[in-house]
């Protein structure tokens, strides 16, 4: 099974920015919907953003125009640009893939996950 590898996490002050990357060495990368999920301490894993194979983007309400998901099909890499970070954004961020285009906010539909990268936003 091919694995996904996230990077770009770290410690950021409130109001700052971070850019996460997910290397996805998938032969048919262009065929997948890709997404970012996050899990904060003591909370359930939640949907952050997704991008379809044709570039359609969807975001969780809490993003409030602060995050941008993108993909580079030539590099088979997924990105998440995060601006105006808040302490409540502190979490482990995971990338994942699915062939499903329906109910893409449901984590159960994703069959391949990365190991996660920690993002900590200080107040």
C-alpha atoms as a PDB file:
ATOM      1  CA  UNK A   1       0.000   0.000   0.000  1.00  0.00           C
ATOM      2  CA  UNK A   2       1.371   3.404  -1.000  1.00  0.00           C
ATOM      3  CA  UNK A   3       1.667   5.855   1.895  1.00  0.00           C
ATOM      4  CA  UNK A   4       1.021   9.577   2.134  1.00  0.00           C
ATOM      5  CA  UNK A   5       3.556  11.797   3.880  1.00  0.00           C
ATOM      6  CA  UNK A   6       2.636  15.150   5.423  1.00  0.00           C
ATOM      7  CA  UNK A   7       5.078  17.919   6.290  1.00  0.00           C
ATOM      8  CA  UNK A   8       5.139  21.617   7.122  1.00  0.00           C
ATOM      9  CA  UNK A   9       3.737  21.582  10.629  1.00  0.00           C
ATOM     10  CA  UNK A  10       5.290  23.365  13.566  1.00  0.00           C
ATOM     11  CA  UNK A  11       4.834  26.129  16.102  1.00  0.00           C
ATOM     12  CA  UNK A  12       3.132  29.287  14.842  1.00  0.00           C
ATOM     13  CA  UNK A  13       1.984  32.391  16.687  1.00  0.00           C
ATOM     14  CA  UNK A  14      -1.660  33.410  16.492  1.00  0.00           C
ATOM     15  CA  UNK A  15      -2.256  35.367  13.312  1.00  0.00           C
ATOM     16  CA  UNK A  16       0.603  33.647  11.542  1.00  0.00           C
ATOM     17  CA  UNK A  17       0.665  31.284   8.572  1.00  0.00           C
ATOM     18  CA  UNK A  18       1.752  27.780   7.697  1.00  0.00           C
ATOM     19  CA  UNK A  19       1.810  25.695   4.559  1.00  0.00           C
ATOM     20  CA  UNK A  20       1.298  21.968   4.780  1.00  0.00           C
ATOM     21  CA  UNK A  21       2.335  19.524   2.087  1.00  0.00           C
ATOM     22  CA  UNK A  22       1.304  15.946   1.453  1.00  0.00           C
ATOM     23  CA  UNK A  23       3.405  13.846  -0.860  1.00  0.00           C
ATOM     24  CA  UNK A  24       1.192  11.287  -2.560  1.00  0.00           C
ATOM     25  CA  UNK A  25       3.208   9.041  -4.881  1.00  0.00           C
ATOM     26  CA  UNK A  26       0.114   7.555  -6.486  1.00  0.00           C
ATOM     27  CA  UNK A  27       0.155   6.366 -10.057  1.00  0.00           C
ATOM     28  CA  UNK A  28      -3.414   7.575 -10.534  1.00  0.00           C
ATOM     29  CA  UNK A  29      -3.186  10.639  -8.265  1.00  0.00           C
ATOM     30  CA  UNK A  30      -5.330  12.647 -10.658  1.00  0.00           C
ATOM     31  CA  UNK A  31      -8.240  10.228 -10.162  1.00  0.00           C
ATOM     32  CA  UNK A  32      -8.605  10.848  -6.421  1.00  0.00           C
ATOM     33  CA  UNK A  33     -10.401  13.340  -4.271  1.00  0.00           C
ATOM     34  CA  UNK A  34      -7.858  14.522  -1.708  1.00  0.00           C
ATOM     35  CA  UNK A  35      -8.614  16.038   1.677  1.00  0.00           C
ATOM     36  CA  UNK A  36      -7.220  17.425   4.898  1.00  0.00           C
ATOM     37  CA  UNK A  37      -8.584  16.397   8.286  1.00  0.00           C
ATOM     38  CA  UNK A  38      -7.430  17.417  11.734  1.00  0.00           C
ATOM     39  CA  UNK A  39      -7.680  16.089  15.257  1.00  0.00           C
ATOM     40  CA  UNK A  40      -7.189  18.233  18.327  1.00  0.00           C
ATOM     41  CA  UNK A  41      -6.384  16.883  21.766  1.00  0.00           C
ATOM     42  CA  UNK A  42      -9.440  15.241  23.285  1.00  0.00           C
ATOM     43  CA  UNK A  43     -11.591  15.807  20.203  1.00  0.00           C
ATOM     44  CA  UNK A  44     -12.805  13.764  17.246  1.00  0.00           C
ATOM     45  CA  UNK A  45     -11.154  13.931  13.877  1.00  0.00           C
ATOM     46  CA  UNK A  46     -12.843  16.595  11.760  1.00  0.00           C
ATOM     47  CA  UNK A  47     -12.974  17.603   8.130  1.00  0.00           C
ATOM     48  CA  UNK A  48     -10.967  20.648   7.070  1.00  0.00           C
ATOM     49  CA  UNK A  49     -10.934  20.834   3.275  1.00  0.00           C
ATOM     50  CA  UNK A  50     -11.144  18.707   0.146  1.00  0.00           C
ATOM     51  CA  UNK A  51     -10.330  19.056  -3.521  1.00  0.00           C
ATOM     52  CA  UNK A  52     -11.718  16.871  -6.276  1.00  0.00           C
ATOM     53  CA  UNK A  53      -9.862  15.434  -9.217  1.00  0.00           C
ATOM     54  CA  UNK A  54     -11.123  18.288 -11.388  1.00  0.00           C
ATOM     55  CA  UNK A  55     -10.212  20.982  -8.858  1.00  0.00           C
ATOM     56  CA  UNK A  56     -13.509  21.607  -7.054  1.00  0.00           C
ATOM     57  CA  UNK A  57     -12.827  22.793  -3.499  1.00  0.00           C
ATOM     58  CA  UNK A  58     -14.835  22.429  -0.306  1.00  0.00           C
ATOM     59  CA  UNK A  59     -14.080  23.806   3.158  1.00  0.00           C
ATOM     60  CA  UNK A  60     -15.281  23.440   6.698  1.00  0.00           C
ATOM     61  CA  UNK A  61     -17.153  26.440   8.080  1.00  0.00           C
ATOM     62  CA  UNK A  62     -14.447  27.249  10.611  1.00  0.00           C
ATOM     63  CA  UNK A  63     -11.966  28.010   7.821  1.00  0.00           C
ATOM     64  CA  UNK A  64     -13.697  31.352   7.174  1.00  0.00           C
ATOM     65  CA  UNK A  65     -11.642  32.094   4.055  1.00  0.00           C
ATOM     66  CA  UNK A  66      -8.393  31.556   5.943  1.00  0.00           C
ATOM     67  CA  UNK A  67      -7.305  28.261   4.364  1.00  0.00           C
ATOM     68  CA  UNK A  68      -6.705  27.275   0.759  1.00  0.00           C
ATOM     69  CA  UNK A  69      -6.406  23.703  -0.471  1.00  0.00           C
ATOM     70  CA  UNK A  70      -4.615  23.006  -3.731  1.00  0.00           C
ATOM     71  CA  UNK A  71      -2.976  20.180  -5.624  1.00  0.00           C
ATOM     72  CA  UNK A  72      -0.111  19.794  -8.060  1.00  0.00           C
ATOM     73  CA  UNK A  73      -0.844  16.803 -10.248  1.00  0.00           C
ATOM     74  CA  UNK A  74       2.594  16.855 -11.870  1.00  0.00           C
ATOM     75  CA  UNK A  75       4.241  16.577  -8.445  1.00  0.00           C
ATOM     76  CA  UNK A  76       1.427  14.399  -7.050  1.00  0.00           C
ATOM     77  CA  UNK A  77       1.347  16.663  -4.014  1.00  0.00           C
ATOM     78  CA  UNK A  78      -1.485  18.135  -1.951  1.00  0.00           C
ATOM     79  CA  UNK A  79      -1.164  21.462  -0.132  1.00  0.00           C
ATOM     80  CA  UNK A  80      -2.956  23.404   2.563  1.00  0.00           C
ATOM     81  CA  UNK A  81      -2.139  27.088   2.945  1.00  0.00           C
ATOM     82  CA  UNK A  82      -3.268  28.301   6.364  1.00  0.00           C
ATOM     83  CA  UNK A  83      -3.422  32.009   7.179  1.00  0.00           C
ATOM     84  CA  UNK A  84      -4.618  33.971  10.203  1.00  0.00           C
ATOM     85  CA  UNK A  85      -4.138  30.950  12.411  1.00  0.00           C
ATOM     86  CA  UNK A  86      -5.927  30.755  15.737  1.00  0.00           C
ATOM     87  CA  UNK A  87      -5.088  28.758  18.873  1.00  0.00           C
ATOM     88  CA  UNK A  88      -8.129  26.581  18.193  1.00  0.00           C
ATOM     89  CA  UNK A  89      -6.460  25.460  14.942  1.00  0.00           C
ATOM     90  CA  UNK A  90      -3.944  23.526  17.028  1.00  0.00           C
ATOM     91  CA  UNK A  91      -4.199  19.885  15.977  1.00  0.00           C
ATOM     92  CA  UNK A  92      -2.575  17.047  14.118  1.00  0.00           C
ATOM     93  CA  UNK A  93      -3.346  17.517  10.439  1.00  0.00           C
ATOM     94  CA  UNK A  94      -3.779  14.501   8.174  1.00  0.00           C
ATOM     95  CA  UNK A  95      -4.074  14.139   4.425  1.00  0.00           C
ATOM     96  CA  UNK A  96      -6.169  11.383   2.894  1.00  0.00           C
ATOM     97  CA  UNK A  97      -7.488  10.102  -0.431  1.00  0.00           C
ATOM     98  CA  UNK A  98     -10.675   8.567  -1.749  1.00  0.00           C
ATOM     99  CA  UNK A  99     -12.186   7.625  -5.076  1.00  0.00           C
ATOM    100  CA  UNK A 100     -15.568   8.788  -3.802  1.00  0.00           C
ATOM    101  CA  UNK A 101     -16.844  12.214  -4.759  1.00  0.00           C
ATOM    102  CA  UNK A 102     -19.926  12.010  -2.528  1.00  0.00           C
ATOM    103  CA  UNK A 103     -20.007  12.584   1.223  1.00  0.00           C
ATOM    104  CA  UNK A 104     -16.377  13.652   1.109  1.00  0.00           C
ATOM    105  CA  UNK A 105     -16.578  15.171   4.591  1.00  0.00           C
ATOM    106  CA  UNK A 106     -16.877  11.681   6.069  1.00  0.00           C
ATOM    107  CA  UNK A 107     -13.532  10.319   7.172  1.00  0.00           C
ATOM    108  CA  UNK A 108     -14.759   6.734   6.772  1.00  0.00           C
ATOM    109  CA  UNK A 109     -14.797   7.182   3.001  1.00  0.00           C
ATOM    110  CA  UNK A 110     -11.038   7.680   2.853  1.00  0.00           C
ATOM    111  CA  UNK A 111      -8.958   4.559   2.398  1.00  0.00           C
ATOM    112  CA  UNK A 112      -5.430   5.956   2.600  1.00  0.00           C
ATOM    113  CA  UNK A 113      -4.010   8.313   5.222  1.00  0.00           C
ATOM    114  CA  UNK A 114      -0.750   9.975   6.096  1.00  0.00           C
ATOM    115  CA  UNK A 115       0.921   9.874   9.497  1.00  0.00           C
ATOM    116  CA  UNK A 116      -0.069  13.449  10.322  1.00  0.00           C
ATOM    117  CA  UNK A 117       1.836  16.639  11.054  1.00  0.00           C
ATOM    118  CA  UNK A 118       1.445  18.663  14.245  1.00  0.00           C
ATOM    119  CA  UNK A 119       0.410  22.307  13.994  1.00  0.00           C
ATOM    120  CA  UNK A 120       0.570  24.263  17.236  1.00  0.00           C
ATOM    121  CA  UNK A 121      -0.712  27.834  17.366  1.00  0.00           C
ATOM    122  CA  UNK A 122       0.367  29.810  20.404  1.00  0.00           C
ATOM    123  CA  UNK A 123      -1.713  32.538  21.993  1.00  0.00           C
END
